[in-house]
Amino acid sequence: MSNSEKLISWLKYLDVEYLDDATCEALAKLNINNPNDVAEIVSLAMKDEVVNLNEISRKSMKNILDEVGSYPENSVRHLIERIGMPFDEPLINYKVFFSRVRELLFSE
């Protein structure tokens, strides 16, 4: 697995195949590219599961977010395109999005 493929661990939280119907419906009302909506997206789709990960898994997930800026853009774009997200628009700036995810879930 290339380093960029580790991002799938985060993208799964936004995949309609992984999400329940109620969460999909709630997320569909939000804009993944709007910084004002990111906190609600994280709260709905990621927070509960990430908070309940064991220490080793949390550290691994945090490391992925720390490294996302160094992943080859075309590889990341390819991964993002493979995920069916419930949003009307595709994720435009994944670096900004995942930086905010890190801030929201791992700020100490």
PDB file of N, CA and C in Angstrom:
ATOM      1  N   MET A   1       0.848  -1.175   0.000  1.00  0.00           N
ATOM      2  CA  MET A   1       0.000   0.000   0.000  1.00  0.00           C
ATOM      3  C   MET A   1       0.894   1.239   0.000  1.00  0.00           C
ATOM      4  N   SER A   2       0.642   2.134  -0.947  1.00  0.00           N
ATOM      5  CA  SER A   2       1.397   3.383  -0.949  1.00  0.00           C
ATOM      6  C   SER A   2       0.887   4.254   0.194  1.00  0.00           C
ATOM      7  N   ASN A   3       1.690   5.216   0.595  1.00  0.00           N
ATOM      8  CA  ASN A   3       1.309   6.078   1.704  1.00  0.00           C
ATOM      9  C   ASN A   3      -0.028   6.763   1.466  1.00  0.00           C
ATOM     10  N   SER A   4      -0.256   7.241   0.243  1.00  0.00           N
ATOM     11  CA  SER A   4      -1.503   7.952  -0.027  1.00  0.00           C
ATOM     12  C   SER A   4      -2.722   7.051   0.159  1.00  0.00           C
ATOM     13  N   GLU A   5      -2.569   5.752  -0.037  1.00  0.00           N
ATOM     14  CA  GLU A   5      -3.688   4.833   0.134  1.00  0.00           C
ATOM     15  C   GLU A   5      -4.124   4.714   1.593  1.00  0.00           C
ATOM     16  N   LYS A   6      -3.272   5.143   2.513  1.00  0.00           N
ATOM     17  CA  LYS A   6      -3.662   5.159   3.921  1.00  0.00           C
ATOM     18  C   LYS A   6      -4.838   6.107   4.150  1.00  0.00           C
ATOM     19  N   LEU A   7      -4.983   7.087   3.280  1.00  0.00           N
ATOM     20  CA  LEU A   7      -6.061   8.060   3.421  1.00  0.00           C
ATOM     21  C   LEU A   7      -7.438   7.408   3.334  1.00  0.00           C
ATOM     22  N   ILE A   8      -7.512   6.229   2.780  1.00  0.00           N
ATOM     23  CA  ILE A   8      -8.787   5.522   2.682  1.00  0.00           C
ATOM     24  C   ILE A   8      -9.364   5.279   4.078  1.00  0.00           C
ATOM     25  N   SER A   9      -8.485   5.207   5.085  1.00  0.00           N
ATOM     26  CA  SER A   9      -8.942   5.052   6.468  1.00  0.00           C
ATOM     27  C   SER A   9      -9.816   6.214   6.900  1.00  0.00           C
ATOM     28  N   TRP A  10      -9.574   7.389   6.331  1.00  0.00           N
ATOM     29  CA  TRP A  10     -10.391   8.568   6.624  1.00  0.00           C
ATOM     30  C   TRP A  10     -11.549   8.709   5.645  1.00  0.00           C
ATOM     31  N   LEU A  11     -11.304   8.406   4.397  1.00  0.00           N
ATOM     32  CA  LEU A  11     -12.344   8.561   3.383  1.00  0.00           C
ATOM     33  C   LEU A  11     -13.530   7.629   3.620  1.00  0.00           C
ATOM     34  N   LYS A  12     -13.278   6.501   4.267  1.00  0.00           N
ATOM     35  CA  LYS A  12     -14.387   5.571   4.532  1.00  0.00           C
ATOM     36  C   LYS A  12     -15.482   6.240   5.352  1.00  0.00           C
ATOM     37  N   TYR A  13     -15.123   7.174   6.209  1.00  0.00           N
ATOM     38  CA  TYR A  13     -16.117   7.860   7.036  1.00  0.00           C
ATOM     39  C   TYR A  13     -17.055   8.744   6.209  1.00  0.00           C
ATOM     40  N   LEU A  14     -16.695   8.986   4.969  1.00  0.00           N
ATOM     41  CA  LEU A  14     -17.503   9.819   4.080  1.00  0.00           C
ATOM     42  C   LEU A  14     -18.151   9.012   2.956  1.00  0.00           C
ATOM     43  N   ASP A  15     -17.978   7.714   2.990  1.00  0.00           N
ATOM     44  CA  ASP A  15     -18.458   6.823   1.934  1.00  0.00           C
ATOM     45  C   ASP A  15     -19.900   6.396   2.211  1.00  0.00           C
ATOM     46  N   VAL A  16     -20.774   6.601   1.231  1.00  0.00           N
ATOM     47  CA  VAL A  16     -22.186   6.236   1.408  1.00  0.00           C
ATOM     48  C   VAL A  16     -22.358   4.737   1.687  1.00  0.00           C
ATOM     49  N   GLU A  17     -21.408   3.933   1.273  1.00  0.00           N
ATOM     50  CA  GLU A  17     -21.473   2.491   1.527  1.00  0.00           C
ATOM     51  C   GLU A  17     -21.179   2.171   2.994  1.00  0.00           C
ATOM     52  N   TYR A  18     -20.507   3.061   3.675  1.00  0.00           N
ATOM     53  CA  TYR A  18     -20.119   2.869   5.074  1.00  0.00           C
ATOM     54  C   TYR A  18     -21.123   3.523   6.030  1.00  0.00           C
ATOM     55  N   LEU A  19     -21.731   4.605   5.586  1.00  0.00           N
ATOM     56  CA  LEU A  19     -22.615   5.415   6.430  1.00  0.00           C
ATOM     57  C   LEU A  19     -24.025   4.843   6.495  1.00  0.00           C
ATOM     58  N   ASP A  20     -24.709   5.087   7.616  1.00  0.00           N
ATOM     59  CA  ASP A  20     -26.114   4.692   7.679  1.00  0.00           C
ATOM     60  C   ASP A  20     -26.959   5.743   6.957  1.00  0.00           C
ATOM     61  N   ASP A  21     -28.194   5.406   6.669  1.00  0.00           N
ATOM     62  CA  ASP A  21     -29.066   6.285   5.878  1.00  0.00           C
ATOM     63  C   ASP A  21     -29.287   7.643   6.534  1.00  0.00           C
ATOM     64  N   ALA A  22     -29.499   7.660   7.838  1.00  0.00           N
ATOM     65  CA  ALA A  22     -29.759   8.928   8.537  1.00  0.00           C
ATOM     66  C   ALA A  22     -28.550   9.856   8.446  1.00  0.00           C
ATOM     67  N   THR A  23     -27.361   9.308   8.605  1.00  0.00           N
ATOM     68  CA  THR A  23     -26.149  10.120   8.514  1.00  0.00           C
ATOM     69  C   THR A  23     -25.961  10.625   7.092  1.00  0.00           C
ATOM     70  N   CYS A  24     -26.211   9.782   6.105  1.00  0.00           N
ATOM     71  CA  CYS A  24     -26.115  10.202   4.702  1.00  0.00           C
ATOM     72  C   CYS A  24     -27.051  11.368   4.419  1.00  0.00           C
ATOM     73  N   GLU A  25     -28.275  11.267   4.901  1.00  0.00           N
ATOM     74  CA  GLU A  25     -29.246  12.336   4.678  1.00  0.00           C
ATOM     75  C   GLU A  25     -28.794  13.639   5.325  1.00  0.00           C
ATOM     76  N   ALA A  26     -28.274  13.558   6.539  1.00  0.00           N
ATOM     77  CA  ALA A  26     -27.807  14.758   7.238  1.00  0.00           C
ATOM     78  C   ALA A  26     -26.596  15.362   6.525  1.00  0.00           C
ATOM     79  N   LEU A  27     -25.683  14.517   6.082  1.00  0.00           N
ATOM     80  CA  LEU A  27     -24.487  15.006   5.391  1.00  0.00           C
ATOM     81  C   LEU A  27     -24.830  15.617   4.035  1.00  0.00           C
ATOM     82  N   ALA A  28     -25.831  15.074   3.365  1.00  0.00           N
ATOM     83  CA  ALA A  28     -26.221  15.564   2.036  1.00  0.00           C
ATOM     84  C   ALA A  28     -26.675  17.021   2.081  1.00  0.00           C
ATOM     85  N   LYS A  29     -27.072  17.491   3.235  1.00  0.00           N
ATOM     86  CA  LYS A  29     -27.511  18.879   3.395  1.00  0.00           C
ATOM     87  C   LYS A  29     -26.342  19.839   3.601  1.00  0.00           C
ATOM     88  N   LEU A  30     -25.142  19.291   3.753  1.00  0.00           N
ATOM     89  CA  LEU A  30     -23.954  20.101   4.029  1.00  0.00           C
ATOM     90  C   LEU A  30     -23.072  20.194   2.789  1.00  0.00           C
ATOM     91  N   ASN A  31     -22.176  21.169   2.807  1.00  0.00           N
ATOM     92  CA  ASN A  31     -21.231  21.377   1.710  1.00  0.00           C
ATOM     93  C   ASN A  31     -19.835  21.059   2.212  1.00  0.00           C
ATOM     94  N   ILE A  32     -19.243  19.995   1.701  1.00  0.00           N
ATOM     95  CA  ILE A  32     -17.924  19.554   2.151  1.00  0.00           C
ATOM     96  C   ILE A  32     -16.845  20.609   1.885  1.00  0.00           C
ATOM     97  N   ASN A  33     -17.095  21.521   0.976  1.00  0.00           N
ATOM     98  CA  ASN A  33     -16.119  22.562   0.647  1.00  0.00           C
ATOM     99  C   ASN A  33     -16.339  23.857   1.426  1.00  0.00           C
ATOM    100  N   ASN A  34     -17.350  23.892   2.254  1.00  0.00           N
ATOM    101  CA  ASN A  34     -17.632  25.077   3.057  1.00  0.00           C
ATOM    102  C   ASN A  34     -17.002  24.899   4.435  1.00  0.00           C
ATOM    103  N   PRO A  35     -16.018  25.725   4.786  1.00  0.00           N
ATOM    104  CA  PRO A  35     -15.355  25.585   6.092  1.00  0.00           C
ATOM    105  C   PRO A  35     -16.327  25.622   7.270  1.00  0.00           C
ATOM    106  N   ASN A  36     -17.442  26.310   7.104  1.00  0.00           N
ATOM    107  CA  ASN A  36     -18.430  26.388   8.182  1.00  0.00           C
ATOM    108  C   ASN A  36     -19.162  25.070   8.402  1.00  0.00           C
ATOM    109  N   ASP A  37     -19.176  24.195   7.408  1.00  0.00           N
ATOM    110  CA  ASP A  37     -19.863  22.907   7.521  1.00  0.00           C
ATOM    111  C   ASP A  37     -18.955  21.769   7.980  1.00  0.00           C
ATOM    112  N   VAL A  38     -17.643  21.972   7.930  1.00  0.00           N
ATOM    113  CA  VAL A  38     -16.706  20.881   8.225  1.00  0.00           C
ATOM    114  C   VAL A  38     -16.878  20.357   9.651  1.00  0.00           C
ATOM    115  N   ALA A  39     -17.059  21.240  10.620  1.00  0.00           N
ATOM    116  CA  ALA A  39     -17.217  20.786  12.002  1.00  0.00           C
ATOM    117  C   ALA A  39     -18.430  19.861  12.141  1.00  0.00           C
ATOM    118  N   GLU A  40     -19.512  20.195  11.472  1.00  0.00           N
ATOM    119  CA  GLU A  40     -20.706  19.350  11.551  1.00  0.00           C
ATOM    120  C   GLU A  40     -20.483  18.024  10.817  1.00  0.00           C
ATOM    121  N   ILE A  41     -19.775  18.064   9.698  1.00  0.00           N
ATOM    122  CA  ILE A  41     -19.454  16.835   8.965  1.00  0.00           C
ATOM    123  C   ILE A  41     -18.635  15.906   9.854  1.00  0.00           C
ATOM    124  N   VAL A  42     -17.619  16.457  10.504  1.00  0.00           N
ATOM    125  CA  VAL A  42     -16.765  15.662  11.397  1.00  0.00           C
ATOM    126  C   VAL A  42     -17.598  15.095  12.542  1.00  0.00           C
ATOM    127  N   SER A  43     -18.443  15.916  13.115  1.00  0.00           N
ATOM    128  CA  SER A  43     -19.282  15.475  14.234  1.00  0.00           C
ATOM    129  C   SER A  43     -20.226  14.346  13.820  1.00  0.00           C
ATOM    130  N   LEU A  44     -20.830  14.475  12.674  1.00  0.00           N
ATOM    131  CA  LEU A  44     -21.786  13.470  12.195  1.00  0.00           C
ATOM    132  C   LEU A  44     -21.124  12.170  11.745  1.00  0.00           C
ATOM    133  N   ALA A  45     -20.016  12.287  11.027  1.00  0.00           N
ATOM    134  CA  ALA A  45     -19.461  11.118  10.333  1.00  0.00           C
ATOM    135  C   ALA A  45     -18.228  10.494  10.972  1.00  0.00           C
ATOM    136  N   MET A  46     -17.503  11.245  11.800  1.00  0.00           N
ATOM    137  CA  MET A  46     -16.209  10.739  12.254  1.00  0.00           C
ATOM    138  C   MET A  46     -16.021  10.695  13.765  1.00  0.00           C
ATOM    139  N   LYS A  47     -16.470  11.708  14.435  1.00  0.00           N
ATOM    140  CA  LYS A  47     -16.081  11.939  15.819  1.00  0.00           C
ATOM    141  C   LYS A  47     -16.301  10.738  16.737  1.00  0.00           C
ATOM    142  N   ASP A  48     -17.491  10.190  16.759  1.00  0.00           N
ATOM    143  CA  ASP A  48     -17.784   9.092  17.686  1.00  0.00           C
ATOM    144  C   ASP A  48     -16.847   7.907  17.500  1.00  0.00           C
ATOM    145  N   GLU A  49     -16.618   7.536  16.262  1.00  0.00           N
ATOM    146  CA  GLU A  49     -15.751   6.376  16.020  1.00  0.00           C
ATOM    147  C   GLU A  49     -14.292   6.674  16.341  1.00  0.00           C
ATOM    148  N   VAL A  50     -13.819   7.831  15.949  1.00  0.00           N
ATOM    149  CA  VAL A  50     -12.410   8.169  16.169  1.00  0.00           C
ATOM    150  C   VAL A  50     -12.120   8.324  17.661  1.00  0.00           C
ATOM    151  N   VAL A  51     -13.033   8.936  18.384  1.00  0.00           N
ATOM    152  CA  VAL A  51     -12.850   9.112  19.824  1.00  0.00           C
ATOM    153  C   VAL A  51     -12.758   7.758  20.530  1.00  0.00           C
ATOM    154  N   ASN A  52     -13.439   6.763  20.013  1.00  0.00           N
ATOM    155  CA  ASN A  52     -13.465   5.447  20.654  1.00  0.00           C
ATOM    156  C   ASN A  52     -12.361   4.496  20.184  1.00  0.00           C
ATOM    157  N   LEU A  53     -11.487   4.953  19.300  1.00  0.00           N
ATOM    158  CA  LEU A  53     -10.365   4.111  18.877  1.00  0.00           C
ATOM    159  C   LEU A  53      -9.373   3.948  20.028  1.00  0.00           C
ATOM    160  N   ASN A  54      -8.665   2.844  20.022  1.00  0.00           N
ATOM    161  CA  ASN A  54      -7.627   2.681  21.038  1.00  0.00           C
ATOM    162  C   ASN A  54      -6.466   3.635  20.736  1.00  0.00           C
ATOM    163  N   GLU A  55      -5.572   3.779  21.678  1.00  0.00           N
ATOM    164  CA  GLU A  55      -4.491   4.763  21.569  1.00  0.00           C
ATOM    165  C   GLU A  55      -3.615   4.552  20.336  1.00  0.00           C
ATOM    166  N   ILE A  56      -3.304   3.322  20.023  1.00  0.00           N
ATOM    167  CA  ILE A  56      -2.448   3.019  18.866  1.00  0.00           C
ATOM    168  C   ILE A  56      -3.151   3.401  17.568  1.00  0.00           C
ATOM    169  N   SER A  57      -4.417   3.061  17.458  1.00  0.00           N
ATOM    170  CA  SER A  57      -5.177   3.397  16.250  1.00  0.00           C
ATOM    171  C   SER A  57      -5.353   4.898  16.104  1.00  0.00           C
ATOM    172  N   ARG A  58      -5.629   5.578  17.218  1.00  0.00           N
ATOM    173  CA  ARG A  58      -5.765   7.045  17.167  1.00  0.00           C
ATOM    174  C   ARG A  58      -4.462   7.684  16.689  1.00  0.00           C
ATOM    175  N   LYS A  59      -3.345   7.195  17.188  1.00  0.00           N
ATOM    176  CA  LYS A  59      -2.049   7.744  16.777  1.00  0.00           C
ATOM    177  C   LYS A  59      -1.823   7.513  15.289  1.00  0.00           C
ATOM    178  N   SER A  60      -2.161   6.334  14.810  1.00  0.00           N
ATOM    179  CA  SER A  60      -2.015   6.016  13.390  1.00  0.00           C
ATOM    180  C   SER A  60      -2.896   6.922  12.530  1.00  0.00           C
ATOM    181  N   MET A  61      -4.135   7.118  12.960  1.00  0.00           N
ATOM    182  CA  MET A  61      -5.057   7.978  12.209  1.00  0.00           C
ATOM    183  C   MET A  61      -4.569   9.434  12.208  1.00  0.00           C
ATOM    184  N   LYS A  62      -4.042   9.872  13.318  1.00  0.00           N
ATOM    185  CA  LYS A  62      -3.501  11.230  13.404  1.00  0.00           C
ATOM    186  C   LYS A  62      -2.295  11.375  12.477  1.00  0.00           C
ATOM    187  N   ASN A  63      -1.439  10.363  12.434  1.00  0.00           N
ATOM    188  CA  ASN A  63      -0.262  10.407  11.561  1.00  0.00           C
ATOM    189  C   ASN A  63      -0.654  10.527  10.091  1.00  0.00           C
ATOM    190  N   ILE A  64      -1.711   9.858   9.704  1.00  0.00           N
ATOM    191  CA  ILE A  64      -2.195   9.964   8.319  1.00  0.00           C
ATOM    192  C   ILE A  64      -2.563  11.405   8.015  1.00  0.00           C
ATOM    193  N   LEU A  65      -3.264  12.048   8.942  1.00  0.00           N
ATOM    194  CA  LEU A  65      -3.630  13.458   8.739  1.00  0.00           C
ATOM    195  C   LEU A  65      -2.407  14.358   8.700  1.00  0.00           C
ATOM    196  N   ASP A  66      -1.404  14.040   9.490  1.00  0.00           N
ATOM    197  CA  ASP A  66      -0.164  14.821   9.486  1.00  0.00           C
ATOM    198  C   ASP A  66       0.580  14.699   8.162  1.00  0.00           C
ATOM    199  N   GLU A  67       0.435  13.562   7.502  1.00  0.00           N
ATOM    200  CA  GLU A  67       1.177  13.281   6.270  1.00  0.00           C
ATOM    201  C   GLU A  67       0.417  13.613   4.987  1.00  0.00           C
ATOM    202  N   VAL A  68      -0.880  13.872   5.087  1.00  0.00           N
ATOM    203  CA  VAL A  68      -1.715  14.004   3.892  1.00  0.00           C
ATOM    204  C   VAL A  68      -1.180  15.058   2.917  1.00  0.00           C
ATOM    205  N   GLY A  69      -0.572  16.103   3.413  1.00  0.00           N
ATOM    206  CA  GLY A  69      -0.030  17.143   2.538  1.00  0.00           C
ATOM    207  C   GLY A  69       1.136  16.677   1.688  1.00  0.00           C
ATOM    208  N   SER A  70       1.787  15.595   2.090  1.00  0.00           N
ATOM    209  CA  SER A  70       2.940  15.094   1.330  1.00  0.00           C
ATOM    210  C   SER A  70       2.575  13.994   0.336  1.00  0.00           C
ATOM    211  N   TYR A  71       1.323  13.563   0.340  1.00  0.00           N
ATOM    212  CA  TYR A  71       0.896  12.525  -0.591  1.00  0.00           C
ATOM    213  C   TYR A  71       0.783  13.110  -2.000  1.00  0.00           C
ATOM    214  N   PRO A  72       1.119  12.326  -3.018  1.00  0.00           N
ATOM    215  CA  PRO A  72       0.980  12.811  -4.401  1.00  0.00           C
ATOM    216  C   PRO A  72      -0.478  13.167  -4.711  1.00  0.00           C
ATOM    217  N   GLU A  73      -0.685  14.370  -5.206  1.00  0.00           N
ATOM    218  CA  GLU A  73      -2.051  14.856  -5.434  1.00  0.00           C
ATOM    219  C   GLU A  73      -2.852  13.953  -6.360  1.00  0.00           C
ATOM    220  N   ASN A  74      -2.241  13.491  -7.436  1.00  0.00           N
ATOM    221  CA  ASN A  74      -3.004  12.653  -8.366  1.00  0.00           C
ATOM    222  C   ASN A  74      -3.432  11.328  -7.719  1.00  0.00           C
ATOM    223  N   SER A  75      -2.633  10.793  -6.814  1.00  0.00           N
ATOM    224  CA  SER A  75      -3.014   9.566  -6.102  1.00  0.00           C
ATOM    225  C   SER A  75      -4.177   9.823  -5.152  1.00  0.00           C
ATOM    226  N   VAL A  76      -4.116  10.951  -4.447  1.00  0.00           N
ATOM    227  CA  VAL A  76      -5.190  11.307  -3.525  1.00  0.00           C
ATOM    228  C   VAL A  76      -6.484  11.557  -4.298  1.00  0.00           C
ATOM    229  N   ARG A  77      -6.379  12.283  -5.401  1.00  0.00           N
ATOM    230  CA  ARG A  77      -7.568  12.558  -6.227  1.00  0.00           C
ATOM    231  C   ARG A  77      -8.198  11.260  -6.706  1.00  0.00           C
ATOM    232  N   HIS A  78      -7.369  10.311  -7.107  1.00  0.00           N
ATOM    233  CA  HIS A  78      -7.873   9.019  -7.566  1.00  0.00           C
ATOM    234  C   HIS A  78      -8.638   8.316  -6.440  1.00  0.00           C
ATOM    235  N   LEU A  79      -8.109   8.345  -5.229  1.00  0.00           N
ATOM    236  CA  LEU A  79      -8.796   7.738  -4.091  1.00  0.00           C
ATOM    237  C   LEU A  79     -10.133   8.426  -3.818  1.00  0.00           C
ATOM    238  N   ILE A  80     -10.115   9.751  -3.828  1.00  0.00           N
ATOM    239  CA  ILE A  80     -11.328  10.521  -3.545  1.00  0.00           C
ATOM    240  C   ILE A  80     -12.408  10.223  -4.581  1.00  0.00           C
ATOM    241  N   GLU A  81     -12.007  10.093  -5.832  1.00  0.00           N
ATOM    242  CA  GLU A  81     -12.964   9.815  -6.901  1.00  0.00           C
ATOM    243  C   GLU A  81     -13.613   8.441  -6.765  1.00  0.00           C
ATOM    244  N   ARG A  82     -12.950   7.527  -6.087  1.00  0.00           N
ATOM    245  CA  ARG A  82     -13.474   6.169  -5.906  1.00  0.00           C
ATOM    246  C   ARG A  82     -14.519   6.090  -4.799  1.00  0.00           C
ATOM    247  N   ILE A  83     -14.619   7.131  -3.987  1.00  0.00           N
ATOM    248  CA  ILE A  83     -15.533   7.130  -2.850  1.00  0.00           C
ATOM    249  C   ILE A  83     -16.839   7.816  -3.231  1.00  0.00           C
ATOM    250  N   GLY A  84     -17.936   7.169  -2.978  1.00  0.00           N
ATOM    251  CA  GLY A  84     -19.246   7.770  -3.197  1.00  0.00           C
ATOM    252  C   GLY A  84     -19.636   8.573  -1.973  1.00  0.00           C
ATOM    253  N   MET A  85     -19.519   9.882  -2.065  1.00  0.00           N
ATOM    254  CA  MET A  85     -19.841  10.758  -0.938  1.00  0.00           C
ATOM    255  C   MET A  85     -21.249  11.329  -1.113  1.00  0.00           C
ATOM    256  N   PRO A  86     -21.914  11.630  -0.008  1.00  0.00           N
ATOM    257  CA  PRO A  86     -23.301  12.096  -0.083  1.00  0.00           C
ATOM    258  C   PRO A  86     -23.453  13.590  -0.386  1.00  0.00           C
ATOM    259  N   PHE A  87     -22.385  14.250  -0.727  1.00  0.00           N
ATOM    260  CA  PHE A  87     -22.425  15.692  -0.957  1.00  0.00           C
ATOM    261  C   PHE A  87     -22.742  16.013  -2.412  1.00  0.00           C
ATOM    262  N   ASP A  88     -23.331  17.195  -2.644  1.00  0.00           N
ATOM    263  CA  ASP A  88     -23.656  17.625  -4.005  1.00  0.00           C
ATOM    264  C   ASP A  88     -22.408  17.937  -4.821  1.00  0.00           C
ATOM    265  N   GLU A  89     -21.365  18.398  -4.161  1.00  0.00           N
ATOM    266  CA  GLU A  89     -20.124  18.775  -4.845  1.00  0.00           C
ATOM    267  C   GLU A  89     -18.998  17.842  -4.426  1.00  0.00           C
ATOM    268  N   PRO A  90     -18.038  17.614  -5.309  1.00  0.00           N
ATOM    269  CA  PRO A  90     -16.876  16.816  -4.917  1.00  0.00           C
ATOM    270  C   PRO A  90     -15.963  17.621  -3.978  1.00  0.00           C
ATOM    271  N   LEU A  91     -15.159  16.922  -3.215  1.00  0.00           N
ATOM    272  CA  LEU A  91     -14.186  17.560  -2.336  1.00  0.00           C
ATOM    273  C   LEU A  91     -13.128  18.244  -3.193  1.00  0.00           C
ATOM    274  N   ILE A  92     -13.022  19.563  -3.065  1.00  0.00           N
ATOM    275  CA  ILE A  92     -12.099  20.327  -3.899  1.00  0.00           C
ATOM    276  C   ILE A  92     -10.701  20.401  -3.294  1.00  0.00           C
ATOM    277  N   ASN A  93     -10.600  20.897  -2.065  1.00  0.00           N
ATOM    278  CA  ASN A  93      -9.291  21.063  -1.448  1.00  0.00           C
ATOM    279  C   ASN A  93      -9.159  20.101  -0.272  1.00  0.00           C
ATOM    280  N   TYR A  94      -8.699  18.898  -0.567  1.00  0.00           N
ATOM    281  CA  TYR A  94      -8.603  17.869   0.462  1.00  0.00           C
ATOM    282  C   TYR A  94      -7.595  18.234   1.549  1.00  0.00           C
ATOM    283  N   LYS A  95      -6.547  18.988   1.214  1.00  0.00           N
ATOM    284  CA  LYS A  95      -5.559  19.359   2.229  1.00  0.00           C
ATOM    285  C   LYS A  95      -6.181  20.253   3.292  1.00  0.00           C
ATOM    286  N   VAL A  96      -6.966  21.218   2.870  1.00  0.00           N
ATOM    287  CA  VAL A  96      -7.643  22.109   3.814  1.00  0.00           C
ATOM    288  C   VAL A  96      -8.661  21.320   4.632  1.00  0.00           C
ATOM    289  N   PHE A  97      -9.432  20.470   3.972  1.00  0.00           N
ATOM    290  CA  PHE A  97     -10.446  19.685   4.662  1.00  0.00           C
ATOM    291  C   PHE A  97      -9.809  18.817   5.749  1.00  0.00           C
ATOM    292  N   PHE A  98      -8.797  18.049   5.389  1.00  0.00           N
ATOM    293  CA  PHE A  98      -8.204  17.130   6.357  1.00  0.00           C
ATOM    294  C   PHE A  98      -7.368  17.842   7.414  1.00  0.00           C
ATOM    295  N   SER A  99      -6.879  19.011   7.108  1.00  0.00           N
ATOM    296  CA  SER A  99      -6.219  19.826   8.132  1.00  0.00           C
ATOM    297  C   SER A  99      -7.235  20.229   9.203  1.00  0.00           C
ATOM    298  N   ARG A 100      -8.417  20.591   8.761  1.00  0.00           N
ATOM    299  CA  ARG A 100      -9.486  20.961   9.702  1.00  0.00           C
ATOM    300  C   ARG A 100      -9.962  19.739  10.481  1.00  0.00           C
ATOM    301  N   VAL A 101     -10.043  18.593   9.847  1.00  0.00           N
ATOM    302  CA  VAL A 101     -10.406  17.360  10.535  1.00  0.00           C
ATOM    303  C   VAL A 101      -9.409  17.096  11.660  1.00  0.00           C
ATOM    304  N   ARG A 102      -8.122  17.247  11.358  1.00  0.00           N
ATOM    305  CA  ARG A 102      -7.092  17.035  12.373  1.00  0.00           C
ATOM    306  C   ARG A 102      -7.273  17.994  13.534  1.00  0.00           C
ATOM    307  N   GLU A 103      -7.490  19.233  13.205  1.00  0.00           N
ATOM    308  CA  GLU A 103      -7.691  20.257  14.235  1.00  0.00           C
ATOM    309  C   GLU A 103      -8.884  19.929  15.130  1.00  0.00           C
ATOM    310  N   LEU A 104      -9.965  19.507  14.540  1.00  0.00           N
ATOM    311  CA  LEU A 104     -11.186  19.222  15.290  1.00  0.00           C
ATOM    312  C   LEU A 104     -11.085  17.968  16.162  1.00  0.00           C
ATOM    313  N   LEU A 105     -10.381  16.967  15.675  1.00  0.00           N
ATOM    314  CA  LEU A 105     -10.338  15.692  16.387  1.00  0.00           C
ATOM    315  C   LEU A 105      -9.109  15.482  17.256  1.00  0.00           C
ATOM    316  N   PHE A 106      -8.043  16.210  16.979  1.00  0.00           N
ATOM    317  CA  PHE A 106      -6.797  15.938  17.686  1.00  0.00           C
ATOM    318  C   PHE A 106      -6.143  17.164  18.303  1.00  0.00           C
ATOM    319  N   SER A 107      -6.880  18.238  18.455  1.00  0.00           N
ATOM    320  CA  SER A 107      -6.276  19.417  19.087  1.00  0.00           C
ATOM    321  C   SER A 107      -6.083  19.126  20.572  1.00  0.00           C
ATOM    322  N   GLU A 108      -4.877  19.317  21.015  1.00  0.00           N
ATOM    323  CA  GLU A 108      -4.551  19.019  22.418  1.00  0.00           C
ATOM    324  C   GLU A 108      -4.432  20.282  23.203  1.00  0.00           C
TER     325      GLU A 108
END
